[in-house]
Amino acid sequence: MNTALWIAQGLLAVAFLGAGLLKLVKSKNELAPRMPYVEDFSATTIKAIAAIEVIGAVGLILPWLLGILPTLTVWAAIGCALTMIGAALVHIRRGEMSDVPVNVVLLALAVFIAWGRWGG
């Protein structure tokens, strides 16, 4: 079980870190062709979402790995799950149904991590 959780944590952390860093380094206009939903948000909001994603990625790995406040990994997974619920709702509202399955998979990983690391 521990191995499966580490794999899930790694996959989710890579996804969140990649998405977050991309949003941090690119402007809203540069993101729009690949991420049309950014048009619904201010540049500041996009950067805030990016920071949340990067912090979530770090929180999925470091606390558990270092054994320093490992419950933060659980909270990071819960935060990632909430982020994916919000992302799915945005895609549904915009009619971007083809993007929702990715949100559901990442949500499932986050829930699995939160459940598996709870009390661990």
PDB file of N, CA and C in Angstrom:
ATOM      1  N   MET A   1       0.823  -1.199   0.000  1.00  0.00           N
ATOM      2  CA  MET A   1       0.000   0.000   0.000  1.00  0.00           C
ATOM      3  C   MET A   1       0.864   1.260   0.000  1.00  0.00           C
ATOM      4  N   ASN A   2       1.942   1.232   0.783  1.00  0.00           N
ATOM      5  CA  ASN A   2       2.834   2.380   0.843  1.00  0.00           C
ATOM      6  C   ASN A   2       3.412   2.708  -0.536  1.00  0.00           C
ATOM      7  N   THR A   3       3.770   1.677  -1.296  1.00  0.00           N
ATOM      8  CA  THR A   3       4.322   1.896  -2.637  1.00  0.00           C
ATOM      9  C   THR A   3       3.285   2.534  -3.548  1.00  0.00           C
ATOM     10  N   ALA A   4       2.064   2.041  -3.495  1.00  0.00           N
ATOM     11  CA  ALA A   4       0.991   2.612  -4.322  1.00  0.00           C
ATOM     12  C   ALA A   4       0.738   4.067  -3.953  1.00  0.00           C
ATOM     13  N   LEU A   5       0.785   4.375  -2.666  1.00  0.00           N
ATOM     14  CA  LEU A   5       0.591   5.760  -2.231  1.00  0.00           C
ATOM     15  C   LEU A   5       1.725   6.658  -2.714  1.00  0.00           C
ATOM     16  N   TRP A   6       2.964   6.172  -2.632  1.00  0.00           N
ATOM     17  CA  TRP A   6       4.091   6.973  -3.118  1.00  0.00           C
ATOM     18  C   TRP A   6       3.996   7.214  -4.626  1.00  0.00           C
ATOM     19  N   ILE A   7       3.572   6.209  -5.363  1.00  0.00           N
ATOM     20  CA  ILE A   7       3.397   6.377  -6.812  1.00  0.00           C
ATOM     21  C   ILE A   7       2.322   7.422  -7.079  1.00  0.00           C
ATOM     22  N   ALA A   8       1.205   7.324  -6.370  1.00  0.00           N
ATOM     23  CA  ALA A   8       0.124   8.297  -6.537  1.00  0.00           C
ATOM     24  C   ALA A   8       0.591   9.698  -6.153  1.00  0.00           C
ATOM     25  N   GLN A   9       1.318   9.801  -5.042  1.00  0.00           N
ATOM     26  CA  GLN A   9       1.830  11.101  -4.617  1.00  0.00           C
ATOM     27  C   GLN A   9       2.769  11.684  -5.670  1.00  0.00           C
ATOM     28  N   GLY A  10       3.642  10.852  -6.217  1.00  0.00           N
ATOM     29  CA  GLY A  10       4.567  11.324  -7.249  1.00  0.00           C
ATOM     30  C   GLY A  10       3.840  11.785  -8.493  1.00  0.00           C
ATOM     31  N   LEU A  11       2.889  10.998  -8.959  1.00  0.00           N
ATOM     32  CA  LEU A  11       2.136  11.374 -10.163  1.00  0.00           C
ATOM     33  C   LEU A  11       1.364  12.673  -9.961  1.00  0.00           C
ATOM     34  N   LEU A  12       0.667  12.763  -8.821  1.00  0.00           N
ATOM     35  CA  LEU A  12      -0.123  13.967  -8.563  1.00  0.00           C
ATOM     36  C   LEU A  12       0.778  15.179  -8.368  1.00  0.00           C
ATOM     37  N   ALA A  13       1.895  14.998  -7.686  1.00  0.00           N
ATOM     38  CA  ALA A  13       2.824  16.111  -7.483  1.00  0.00           C
ATOM     39  C   ALA A  13       3.394  16.603  -8.810  1.00  0.00           C
ATOM     40  N   VAL A  14       3.747  15.687  -9.691  1.00  0.00           N
ATOM     41  CA  VAL A  14       4.274  16.086 -11.004  1.00  0.00           C
ATOM     42  C   VAL A  14       3.216  16.854 -11.788  1.00  0.00           C
ATOM     43  N   ALA A  15       1.981  16.375 -11.766  1.00  0.00           N
ATOM     44  CA  ALA A  15       0.899  17.047 -12.489  1.00  0.00           C
ATOM     45  C   ALA A  15       0.671  18.459 -11.943  1.00  0.00           C
ATOM     46  N   PHE A  16       0.599  18.577 -10.616  1.00  0.00           N
ATOM     47  CA  PHE A  16       0.351  19.886 -10.020  1.00  0.00           C
ATOM     48  C   PHE A  16       1.551  20.813 -10.175  1.00  0.00           C
ATOM     49  N   LEU A  17       2.755  20.287 -10.020  1.00  0.00           N
ATOM     50  CA  LEU A  17       3.951  21.119 -10.171  1.00  0.00           C
ATOM     51  C   LEU A  17       4.071  21.619 -11.607  1.00  0.00           C
ATOM     52  N   GLY A  18       3.858  20.731 -12.560  1.00  0.00           N
ATOM     53  CA  GLY A  18       3.942  21.129 -13.965  1.00  0.00           C
ATOM     54  C   GLY A  18       2.919  22.187 -14.329  1.00  0.00           C
ATOM     55  N   ALA A  19       1.679  21.962 -13.927  1.00  0.00           N
ATOM     56  CA  ALA A  19       0.620  22.931 -14.231  1.00  0.00           C
ATOM     57  C   ALA A  19       0.877  24.260 -13.529  1.00  0.00           C
ATOM     58  N   GLY A  20       1.294  24.182 -12.275  1.00  0.00           N
ATOM     59  CA  GLY A  20       1.544  25.399 -11.515  1.00  0.00           C
ATOM     60  C   GLY A  20       2.709  26.210 -12.057  1.00  0.00           C
ATOM     61  N   LEU A  21       3.814  25.543 -12.352  1.00  0.00           N
ATOM     62  CA  LEU A  21       4.977  26.264 -12.892  1.00  0.00           C
ATOM     63  C   LEU A  21       4.667  26.877 -14.252  1.00  0.00           C
ATOM     64  N   LEU A  22       3.922  26.156 -15.073  1.00  0.00           N
ATOM     65  CA  LEU A  22       3.549  26.694 -16.379  1.00  0.00           C
ATOM     66  C   LEU A  22       2.758  27.989 -16.219  1.00  0.00           C
ATOM     67  N   LYS A  23       1.810  27.983 -15.298  1.00  0.00           N
ATOM     68  CA  LYS A  23       0.998  29.183 -15.068  1.00  0.00           C
ATOM     69  C   LYS A  23       1.810  30.299 -14.425  1.00  0.00           C
ATOM     70  N   LEU A  24       2.826  29.947 -13.651  1.00  0.00           N
ATOM     71  CA  LEU A  24       3.651  30.980 -13.025  1.00  0.00           C
ATOM     72  C   LEU A  24       4.562  31.679 -14.023  1.00  0.00           C
ATOM     73  N   VAL A  25       5.101  30.938 -14.988  1.00  0.00           N
ATOM     74  CA  VAL A  25       6.100  31.528 -15.888  1.00  0.00           C
ATOM     75  C   VAL A  25       5.505  32.102 -17.173  1.00  0.00           C
ATOM     76  N   LYS A  26       4.305  31.704 -17.520  1.00  0.00           N
ATOM     77  CA  LYS A  26       3.689  32.195 -18.763  1.00  0.00           C
ATOM     78  C   LYS A  26       2.637  33.250 -18.441  1.00  0.00           C
ATOM     79  N   SER A  27       2.456  34.173 -19.366  1.00  0.00           N
ATOM     80  CA  SER A  27       1.424  35.193 -19.202  1.00  0.00           C
ATOM     81  C   SER A  27       0.057  34.602 -19.544  1.00  0.00           C
ATOM     82  N   LYS A  28      -0.967  35.314 -19.160  1.00  0.00           N
ATOM     83  CA  LYS A  28      -2.334  34.887 -19.454  1.00  0.00           C
ATOM     84  C   LYS A  28      -2.523  34.700 -20.956  1.00  0.00           C
ATOM     85  N   ASN A  29      -1.989  35.615 -21.749  1.00  0.00           N
ATOM     86  CA  ASN A  29      -2.114  35.520 -23.211  1.00  0.00           C
ATOM     87  C   ASN A  29      -1.388  34.306 -23.774  1.00  0.00           C
ATOM     88  N   GLU A  30      -0.251  33.955 -23.186  1.00  0.00           N
ATOM     89  CA  GLU A  30       0.488  32.772 -23.636  1.00  0.00           C
ATOM     90  C   GLU A  30      -0.225  31.478 -23.245  1.00  0.00           C
ATOM     91  N   LEU A  31      -0.942  31.510 -22.135  1.00  0.00           N
ATOM     92  CA  LEU A  31      -1.660  30.319 -21.671  1.00  0.00           C
ATOM     93  C   LEU A  31      -2.960  30.077 -22.430  1.00  0.00           C
ATOM     94  N   ALA A  32      -3.579  31.129 -22.904  1.00  0.00           N
ATOM     95  CA  ALA A  32      -4.928  31.051 -23.488  1.00  0.00           C
ATOM     96  C   ALA A  32      -5.084  30.023 -24.612  1.00  0.00           C
ATOM     97  N   PRO A  33      -4.136  29.874 -25.539  1.00  0.00           N
ATOM     98  CA  PRO A  33      -4.347  28.878 -26.601  1.00  0.00           C
ATOM     99  C   PRO A  33      -4.480  27.442 -26.083  1.00  0.00           C
ATOM    100  N   ARG A  34      -3.721  27.091 -25.044  1.00  0.00           N
ATOM    101  CA  ARG A  34      -3.767  25.727 -24.486  1.00  0.00           C
ATOM    102  C   ARG A  34      -4.751  25.599 -23.338  1.00  0.00           C
ATOM    103  N   MET A  35      -5.037  26.714 -22.685  1.00  0.00           N
ATOM    104  CA  MET A  35      -5.924  26.726 -21.523  1.00  0.00           C
ATOM    105  C   MET A  35      -6.946  27.846 -21.692  1.00  0.00           C
ATOM    106  N   PRO A  36      -7.949  27.642 -22.535  1.00  0.00           N
ATOM    107  CA  PRO A  36      -8.879  28.734 -22.822  1.00  0.00           C
ATOM    108  C   PRO A  36      -9.645  29.247 -21.603  1.00  0.00           C
ATOM    109  N   TYR A  37      -9.756  28.443 -20.565  1.00  0.00           N
ATOM    110  CA  TYR A  37     -10.478  28.870 -19.371  1.00  0.00           C
ATOM    111  C   TYR A  37      -9.827  30.057 -18.673  1.00  0.00           C
ATOM    112  N   VAL A  38      -8.549  30.321 -18.953  1.00  0.00           N
ATOM    113  CA  VAL A  38      -7.883  31.440 -18.284  1.00  0.00           C
ATOM    114  C   VAL A  38      -8.542  32.776 -18.621  1.00  0.00           C
ATOM    115  N   GLU A  39      -9.271  32.826 -19.726  1.00  0.00           N
ATOM    116  CA  GLU A  39      -9.969  34.061 -20.097  1.00  0.00           C
ATOM    117  C   GLU A  39     -10.999  34.460 -19.047  1.00  0.00           C
ATOM    118  N   ASP A  40     -11.469  33.495 -18.259  1.00  0.00           N
ATOM    119  CA  ASP A  40     -12.481  33.767 -17.231  1.00  0.00           C
ATOM    120  C   ASP A  40     -11.881  34.361 -15.957  1.00  0.00           C
ATOM    121  N   PHE A  41     -10.558  34.417 -15.861  1.00  0.00           N
ATOM    122  CA  PHE A  41      -9.910  34.825 -14.624  1.00  0.00           C
ATOM    123  C   PHE A  41      -8.908  35.944 -14.876  1.00  0.00           C
ATOM    124  N   SER A  42      -8.666  36.738 -13.834  1.00  0.00           N
ATOM    125  CA  SER A  42      -7.648  37.780 -13.939  1.00  0.00           C
ATOM    126  C   SER A  42      -6.261  37.138 -13.895  1.00  0.00           C
ATOM    127  N   ALA A  43      -5.275  37.891 -14.350  1.00  0.00           N
ATOM    128  CA  ALA A  43      -3.894  37.392 -14.318  1.00  0.00           C
ATOM    129  C   ALA A  43      -3.472  37.095 -12.879  1.00  0.00           C
ATOM    130  N   THR A  44      -3.923  37.907 -11.947  1.00  0.00           N
ATOM    131  CA  THR A  44      -3.588  37.692 -10.536  1.00  0.00           C
ATOM    132  C   THR A  44      -4.195  36.390 -10.024  1.00  0.00           C
ATOM    133  N   THR A  45      -5.422  36.131 -10.401  1.00  0.00           N
ATOM    134  CA  THR A  45      -6.079  34.890  -9.973  1.00  0.00           C
ATOM    135  C   THR A  45      -5.363  33.677 -10.552  1.00  0.00           C
ATOM    136  N   ILE A  46      -4.937  33.769 -11.804  1.00  0.00           N
ATOM    137  CA  ILE A  46      -4.213  32.663 -12.437  1.00  0.00           C
ATOM    138  C   ILE A  46      -2.908  32.396 -11.689  1.00  0.00           C
ATOM    139  N   LYS A  47      -2.197  33.451 -11.329  1.00  0.00           N
ATOM    140  CA  LYS A  47      -0.946  33.281 -10.572  1.00  0.00           C
ATOM    141  C   LYS A  47      -1.226  32.703  -9.186  1.00  0.00           C
ATOM    142  N   ALA A  48      -2.345  33.083  -8.564  1.00  0.00           N
ATOM    143  CA  ALA A  48      -2.705  32.526  -7.255  1.00  0.00           C
ATOM    144  C   ALA A  48      -3.007  31.035  -7.375  1.00  0.00           C
ATOM    145  N   ILE A  49      -3.739  30.651  -8.408  1.00  0.00           N
ATOM    146  CA  ILE A  49      -4.018  29.234  -8.649  1.00  0.00           C
ATOM    147  C   ILE A  49      -2.705  28.486  -8.856  1.00  0.00           C
ATOM    148  N   ALA A  50      -1.805  29.089  -9.607  1.00  0.00           N
ATOM    149  CA  ALA A  50      -0.502  28.469  -9.863  1.00  0.00           C
ATOM    150  C   ALA A  50       0.269  28.256  -8.570  1.00  0.00           C
ATOM    151  N   ALA A  51       0.273  29.254  -7.712  1.00  0.00           N
ATOM    152  CA  ALA A  51       0.980  29.135  -6.434  1.00  0.00           C
ATOM    153  C   ALA A  51       0.356  28.033  -5.587  1.00  0.00           C
ATOM    154  N   ILE A  52      -0.959  27.940  -5.575  1.00  0.00           N
ATOM    155  CA  ILE A  52      -1.648  26.885  -4.831  1.00  0.00           C
ATOM    156  C   ILE A  52      -1.241  25.517  -5.370  1.00  0.00           C
ATOM    157  N   GLU A  53      -1.150  25.397  -6.688  1.00  0.00           N
ATOM    158  CA  GLU A  53      -0.762  24.121  -7.291  1.00  0.00           C
ATOM    159  C   GLU A  53       0.675  23.736  -6.918  1.00  0.00           C
ATOM    160  N   VAL A  54       1.572  24.684  -6.948  1.00  0.00           N
ATOM    161  CA  VAL A  54       2.973  24.399  -6.594  1.00  0.00           C
ATOM    162  C   VAL A  54       3.086  24.033  -5.118  1.00  0.00           C
ATOM    163  N   ILE A  55       2.421  24.779  -4.262  1.00  0.00           N
ATOM    164  CA  ILE A  55       2.442  24.473  -2.829  1.00  0.00           C
ATOM    165  C   ILE A  55       1.833  23.096  -2.579  1.00  0.00           C
ATOM    166  N   GLY A  56       0.749  22.779  -3.289  1.00  0.00           N
ATOM    167  CA  GLY A  56       0.133  21.460  -3.157  1.00  0.00           C
ATOM    168  C   GLY A  56       1.094  20.351  -3.548  1.00  0.00           C
ATOM    169  N   ALA A  57       1.823  20.549  -4.641  1.00  0.00           N
ATOM    170  CA  ALA A  57       2.785  19.543  -5.106  1.00  0.00           C
ATOM    171  C   ALA A  57       3.871  19.309  -4.060  1.00  0.00           C
ATOM    172  N   VAL A  58       4.395  20.385  -3.514  1.00  0.00           N
ATOM    173  CA  VAL A  58       5.429  20.272  -2.478  1.00  0.00           C
ATOM    174  C   VAL A  58       4.861  19.585  -1.234  1.00  0.00           C
ATOM    175  N   GLY A  59       3.640  19.957  -0.868  1.00  0.00           N
ATOM    176  CA  GLY A  59       3.001  19.384   0.313  1.00  0.00           C
ATOM    177  C   GLY A  59       2.676  17.907   0.176  1.00  0.00           C
ATOM    178  N   LEU A  60       2.509  17.448  -1.043  1.00  0.00           N
ATOM    179  CA  LEU A  60       2.246  16.026  -1.259  1.00  0.00           C
ATOM    180  C   LEU A  60       3.470  15.160  -0.971  1.00  0.00           C
ATOM    181  N   ILE A  61       4.649  15.724  -1.119  1.00  0.00           N
ATOM    182  CA  ILE A  61       5.877  14.933  -1.021  1.00  0.00           C
ATOM    183  C   ILE A  61       6.684  15.207   0.248  1.00  0.00           C
ATOM    184  N   LEU A  62       7.052  16.458   0.463  1.00  0.00           N
ATOM    185  CA  LEU A  62       8.046  16.765   1.501  1.00  0.00           C
ATOM    186  C   LEU A  62       7.643  16.396   2.929  1.00  0.00           C
ATOM    187  N   PRO A  63       6.455  16.733   3.406  1.00  0.00           N
ATOM    188  CA  PRO A  63       6.166  16.403   4.809  1.00  0.00           C
ATOM    189  C   PRO A  63       6.260  14.906   5.101  1.00  0.00           C
ATOM    190  N   TRP A  64       5.709  14.085   4.202  1.00  0.00           N
ATOM    191  CA  TRP A  64       5.745  12.642   4.440  1.00  0.00           C
ATOM    192  C   TRP A  64       7.163  12.099   4.284  1.00  0.00           C
ATOM    193  N   LEU A  65       7.870  12.602   3.267  1.00  0.00           N
ATOM    194  CA  LEU A  65       9.226  12.143   3.011  1.00  0.00           C
ATOM    195  C   LEU A  65      10.158  12.464   4.178  1.00  0.00           C
ATOM    196  N   LEU A  66      10.052  13.664   4.700  1.00  0.00           N
ATOM    197  CA  LEU A  66      10.944  14.111   5.774  1.00  0.00           C
ATOM    198  C   LEU A  66      10.460  13.721   7.162  1.00  0.00           C
ATOM    199  N   GLY A  67       9.204  13.289   7.257  1.00  0.00           N
ATOM    200  CA  GLY A  67       8.649  12.945   8.555  1.00  0.00           C
ATOM    201  C   GLY A  67       8.401  14.149   9.440  1.00  0.00           C
ATOM    202  N   ILE A  68       8.317  15.321   8.843  1.00  0.00           N
ATOM    203  CA  ILE A  68       8.056  16.554   9.580  1.00  0.00           C
ATOM    204  C   ILE A  68       6.612  16.965   9.298  1.00  0.00           C
ATOM    205  N   LEU A  69       5.786  16.891  10.309  1.00  0.00           N
ATOM    206  CA  LEU A  69       4.358  17.175  10.175  1.00  0.00           C
ATOM    207  C   LEU A  69       3.739  16.419   8.995  1.00  0.00           C
ATOM    208  N   PRO A  70       3.840  15.103   8.980  1.00  0.00           N
ATOM    209  CA  PRO A  70       3.339  14.333   7.842  1.00  0.00           C
ATOM    210  C   PRO A  70       1.846  14.493   7.575  1.00  0.00           C
ATOM    211  N   THR A  71       1.093  14.958   8.576  1.00  0.00           N
ATOM    212  CA  THR A  71      -0.331  15.199   8.309  1.00  0.00           C
ATOM    213  C   THR A  71      -0.530  16.300   7.273  1.00  0.00           C
ATOM    214  N   LEU A  72       0.489  17.117   7.050  1.00  0.00           N
ATOM    215  CA  LEU A  72       0.377  18.134   6.000  1.00  0.00           C
ATOM    216  C   LEU A  72       0.218  17.490   4.624  1.00  0.00           C
ATOM    217  N   THR A  73       0.734  16.293   4.440  1.00  0.00           N
ATOM    218  CA  THR A  73       0.550  15.582   3.180  1.00  0.00           C
ATOM    219  C   THR A  73      -0.933  15.275   2.964  1.00  0.00           C
ATOM    220  N   VAL A  74      -1.607  14.875   4.045  1.00  0.00           N
ATOM    221  CA  VAL A  74      -3.049  14.616   3.959  1.00  0.00           C
ATOM    222  C   VAL A  74      -3.782  15.898   3.575  1.00  0.00           C
ATOM    223  N   TRP A  75      -3.437  16.989   4.235  1.00  0.00           N
ATOM    224  CA  TRP A  75      -4.099  18.267   3.945  1.00  0.00           C
ATOM    225  C   TRP A  75      -3.773  18.764   2.541  1.00  0.00           C
ATOM    226  N   ALA A  76      -2.564  18.527   2.075  1.00  0.00           N
ATOM    227  CA  ALA A  76      -2.211  18.897   0.706  1.00  0.00           C
ATOM    228  C   ALA A  76      -3.063  18.097  -0.289  1.00  0.00           C
ATOM    229  N   ALA A  77      -3.252  16.810  -0.016  1.00  0.00           N
ATOM    230  CA  ALA A  77      -4.075  15.977  -0.894  1.00  0.00           C
ATOM    231  C   ALA A  77      -5.519  16.460  -0.893  1.00  0.00           C
ATOM    232  N   ILE A  78      -6.026  16.845   0.272  1.00  0.00           N
ATOM    233  CA  ILE A  78      -7.391  17.382   0.345  1.00  0.00           C
ATOM    234  C   ILE A  78      -7.478  18.684  -0.445  1.00  0.00           C
ATOM    235  N   GLY A  79      -6.470  19.527  -0.321  1.00  0.00           N
ATOM    236  CA  GLY A  79      -6.445  20.778  -1.088  1.00  0.00           C
ATOM    237  C   GLY A  79      -6.402  20.520  -2.586  1.00  0.00           C
ATOM    238  N   CYS A  80      -5.627  19.531  -3.001  1.00  0.00           N
ATOM    239  CA  CYS A  80      -5.571  19.171  -4.423  1.00  0.00           C
ATOM    240  C   CYS A  80      -6.920  18.645  -4.901  1.00  0.00           C
ATOM    241  N   ALA A  81      -7.586  17.866  -4.058  1.00  0.00           N
ATOM    242  CA  ALA A  81      -8.914  17.353  -4.413  1.00  0.00           C
ATOM    243  C   ALA A  81      -9.899  18.507  -4.594  1.00  0.00           C
ATOM    244  N   LEU A  82      -9.876  19.460  -3.682  1.00  0.00           N
ATOM    245  CA  LEU A  82     -10.769  20.615  -3.799  1.00  0.00           C
ATOM    246  C   LEU A  82     -10.449  21.439  -5.044  1.00  0.00           C
ATOM    247  N   THR A  83      -9.177  21.558  -5.356  1.00  0.00           N
ATOM    248  CA  THR A  83      -8.763  22.272  -6.566  1.00  0.00           C
ATOM    249  C   THR A  83      -9.317  21.581  -7.809  1.00  0.00           C
ATOM    250  N   MET A  84      -9.277  20.265  -7.829  1.00  0.00           N
ATOM    251  CA  MET A  84      -9.789  19.518  -8.986  1.00  0.00           C
ATOM    252  C   MET A  84     -11.311  19.593  -9.090  1.00  0.00           C
ATOM    253  N   ILE A  85     -11.996  19.653  -7.963  1.00  0.00           N
ATOM    254  CA  ILE A  85     -13.449  19.847  -8.004  1.00  0.00           C
ATOM    255  C   ILE A  85     -13.755  21.208  -8.627  1.00  0.00           C
ATOM    256  N   GLY A  86     -13.032  22.228  -8.184  1.00  0.00           N
ATOM    257  CA  GLY A  86     -13.219  23.560  -8.762  1.00  0.00           C
ATOM    258  C   GLY A  86     -12.898  23.593 -10.245  1.00  0.00           C
ATOM    259  N   ALA A  87     -11.817  22.937 -10.632  1.00  0.00           N
ATOM    260  CA  ALA A  87     -11.427  22.907 -12.042  1.00  0.00           C
ATOM    261  C   ALA A  87     -12.497  22.206 -12.878  1.00  0.00           C
ATOM    262  N   ALA A  88     -13.006  21.091 -12.382  1.00  0.00           N
ATOM    263  CA  ALA A  88     -14.047  20.365 -13.115  1.00  0.00           C
ATOM    264  C   ALA A  88     -15.291  21.230 -13.273  1.00  0.00           C
ATOM    265  N   LEU A  89     -15.668  21.937 -12.227  1.00  0.00           N
ATOM    266  CA  LEU A  89     -16.844  22.811 -12.310  1.00  0.00           C
ATOM    267  C   LEU A  89     -16.652  23.914 -13.343  1.00  0.00           C
ATOM    268  N   VAL A  90     -15.448  24.481 -13.397  1.00  0.00           N
ATOM    269  CA  VAL A  90     -15.160  25.510 -14.406  1.00  0.00           C
ATOM    270  C   VAL A  90     -15.295  24.917 -15.810  1.00  0.00           C
ATOM    271  N   HIS A  91     -14.713  23.741 -16.028  1.00  0.00           N
ATOM    272  CA  HIS A  91     -14.790  23.110 -17.349  1.00  0.00           C
ATOM    273  C   HIS A  91     -16.231  22.757 -17.720  1.00  0.00           C
ATOM    274  N   ILE A  92     -16.990  22.264 -16.766  1.00  0.00           N
ATOM    275  CA  ILE A  92     -18.394  21.936 -17.033  1.00  0.00           C
ATOM    276  C   ILE A  92     -19.173  23.199 -17.389  1.00  0.00           C
ATOM    277  N   ARG A  93     -18.979  24.272 -16.616  1.00  0.00           N
ATOM    278  CA  ARG A  93     -19.662  25.540 -16.883  1.00  0.00           C
ATOM    279  C   ARG A  93     -19.329  26.072 -18.271  1.00  0.00           C
ATOM    280  N   ARG A  94     -18.088  25.879 -18.690  1.00  0.00           N
ATOM    281  CA  ARG A  94     -17.655  26.376 -20.002  1.00  0.00           C
ATOM    282  C   ARG A  94     -17.966  25.401 -21.135  1.00  0.00           C
ATOM    283  N   GLY A  95     -18.510  24.237 -20.812  1.00  0.00           N
ATOM    284  CA  GLY A  95     -18.821  23.250 -21.842  1.00  0.00           C
ATOM    285  C   GLY A  95     -17.599  22.511 -22.354  1.00  0.00           C
ATOM    286  N   GLU A  96     -16.528  22.520 -21.594  1.00  0.00           N
ATOM    287  CA  GLU A  96     -15.277  21.846 -21.977  1.00  0.00           C
ATOM    288  C   GLU A  96     -15.249  20.447 -21.370  1.00  0.00           C
ATOM    289  N   MET A  97     -16.206  19.630 -21.774  1.00  0.00           N
ATOM    290  CA  MET A  97     -16.383  18.316 -21.161  1.00  0.00           C
ATOM    291  C   MET A  97     -15.195  17.382 -21.391  1.00  0.00           C
ATOM    292  N   SER A  98     -14.440  17.602 -22.459  1.00  0.00           N
ATOM    293  CA  SER A  98     -13.299  16.726 -22.732  1.00  0.00           C
ATOM    294  C   SER A  98     -12.175  16.916 -21.712  1.00  0.00           C
ATOM    295  N   ASP A  99     -12.192  18.025 -20.965  1.00  0.00           N
ATOM    296  CA  ASP A  99     -11.164  18.272 -19.949  1.00  0.00           C
ATOM    297  C   ASP A  99     -11.526  17.676 -18.590  1.00  0.00           C
ATOM    298  N   VAL A 100     -12.790  17.353 -18.396  1.00  0.00           N
ATOM    299  CA  VAL A 100     -13.254  16.878 -17.090  1.00  0.00           C
ATOM    300  C   VAL A 100     -12.649  15.529 -16.690  1.00  0.00           C
ATOM    301  N   PRO A 101     -12.485  14.559 -17.598  1.00  0.00           N
ATOM    302  CA  PRO A 101     -11.895  13.283 -17.161  1.00  0.00           C
ATOM    303  C   PRO A 101     -10.519  13.429 -16.507  1.00  0.00           C
ATOM    304  N   VAL A 102      -9.707  14.349 -16.979  1.00  0.00           N
ATOM    305  CA  VAL A 102      -8.397  14.578 -16.353  1.00  0.00           C
ATOM    306  C   VAL A 102      -8.600  15.049 -14.914  1.00  0.00           C
ATOM    307  N   ASN A 103      -9.539  15.967 -14.723  1.00  0.00           N
ATOM    308  CA  ASN A 103      -9.841  16.441 -13.368  1.00  0.00           C
ATOM    309  C   ASN A 103     -10.306  15.305 -12.472  1.00  0.00           C
ATOM    310  N   VAL A 104     -11.125  14.413 -13.017  1.00  0.00           N
ATOM    311  CA  VAL A 104     -11.651  13.286 -12.233  1.00  0.00           C
ATOM    312  C   VAL A 104     -10.524  12.330 -11.835  1.00  0.00           C
ATOM    313  N   VAL A 105      -9.606  12.058 -12.753  1.00  0.00           N
ATOM    314  CA  VAL A 105      -8.481  11.165 -12.443  1.00  0.00           C
ATOM    315  C   VAL A 105      -7.595  11.782 -11.360  1.00  0.00           C
ATOM    316  N   LEU A 106      -7.284  13.064 -11.493  1.00  0.00           N
ATOM    317  CA  LEU A 106      -6.449  13.729 -10.491  1.00  0.00           C
ATOM    318  C   LEU A 106      -7.180  13.826  -9.151  1.00  0.00           C
ATOM    319  N   LEU A 107      -8.488  14.040  -9.197  1.00  0.00           N
ATOM    320  CA  LEU A 107      -9.298  14.049  -7.981  1.00  0.00           C
ATOM    321  C   LEU A 107      -9.237  12.680  -7.301  1.00  0.00           C
ATOM    322  N   ALA A 108      -9.364  11.621  -8.082  1.00  0.00           N
ATOM    323  CA  ALA A 108      -9.312  10.266  -7.521  1.00  0.00           C
ATOM    324  C   ALA A 108      -7.955   9.988  -6.871  1.00  0.00           C
ATOM    325  N   LEU A 109      -6.886  10.407  -7.518  1.00  0.00           N
ATOM    326  CA  LEU A 109      -5.552  10.243  -6.923  1.00  0.00           C
ATOM    327  C   LEU A 109      -5.445  10.989  -5.596  1.00  0.00           C
ATOM    328  N   ALA A 110      -5.942  12.214  -5.577  1.00  0.00           N
ATOM    329  CA  ALA A 110      -5.872  13.030  -4.364  1.00  0.00           C
ATOM    330  C   ALA A 110      -6.676  12.396  -3.226  1.00  0.00           C
ATOM    331  N   VAL A 111      -7.863  11.895  -3.544  1.00  0.00           N
ATOM    332  CA  VAL A 111      -8.692  11.247  -2.524  1.00  0.00           C
ATOM    333  C   VAL A 111      -8.013   9.974  -2.014  1.00  0.00           C
ATOM    334  N   PHE A 112      -7.430   9.210  -2.919  1.00  0.00           N
ATOM    335  CA  PHE A 112      -6.707   7.993  -2.536  1.00  0.00           C
ATOM    336  C   PHE A 112      -5.564   8.326  -1.581  1.00  0.00           C
ATOM    337  N   ILE A 113      -4.814   9.378  -1.888  1.00  0.00           N
ATOM    338  CA  ILE A 113      -3.685   9.779  -1.038  1.00  0.00           C
ATOM    339  C   ILE A 113      -4.193  10.234   0.329  1.00  0.00           C
ATOM    340  N   ALA A 114      -5.211  11.086   0.334  1.00  0.00           N
ATOM    341  CA  ALA A 114      -5.738  11.577   1.621  1.00  0.00           C
ATOM    342  C   ALA A 114      -6.246  10.421   2.474  1.00  0.00           C
ATOM    343  N   TRP A 115      -6.960   9.493   1.852  1.00  0.00           N
ATOM    344  CA  TRP A 115      -7.488   8.329   2.577  1.00  0.00           C
ATOM    345  C   TRP A 115      -6.344   7.424   3.064  1.00  0.00           C
ATOM    346  N   GLY A 116      -5.389   7.162   2.175  1.00  0.00           N
ATOM    347  CA  GLY A 116      -4.309   6.241   2.514  1.00  0.00           C
ATOM    348  C   GLY A 116      -3.339   6.780   3.548  1.00  0.00           C
ATOM    349  N   ARG A 117      -3.133   8.074   3.552  1.00  0.00           N
ATOM    350  CA  ARG A 117      -2.177   8.661   4.499  1.00  0.00           C
ATOM    351  C   ARG A 117      -2.840   9.131   5.796  1.00  0.00           C
ATOM    352  N   TRP A 118      -4.163   9.128   5.827  1.00  0.00           N
ATOM    353  CA  TRP A 118      -4.871   9.538   7.039  1.00  0.00           C
ATOM    354  C   TRP A 118      -4.510   8.604   8.187  1.00  0.00           C
ATOM    355  N   GLY A 119      -4.000   9.161   9.239  1.00  0.00           N
ATOM    356  CA  GLY A 119      -3.641   8.377  10.422  1.00  0.00           C
ATOM    357  C   GLY A 119      -2.368   7.558  10.251  1.00  0.00           C
ATOM    358  N   GLY A 120      -1.705   7.728   9.081  1.00  0.00           N
ATOM    359  CA  GLY A 120      -0.510   6.927   8.810  1.00  0.00           C
ATOM    360  C   GLY A 120       0.705   7.507   9.416  1.00  0.00           C
TER     361      GLY A 120
END
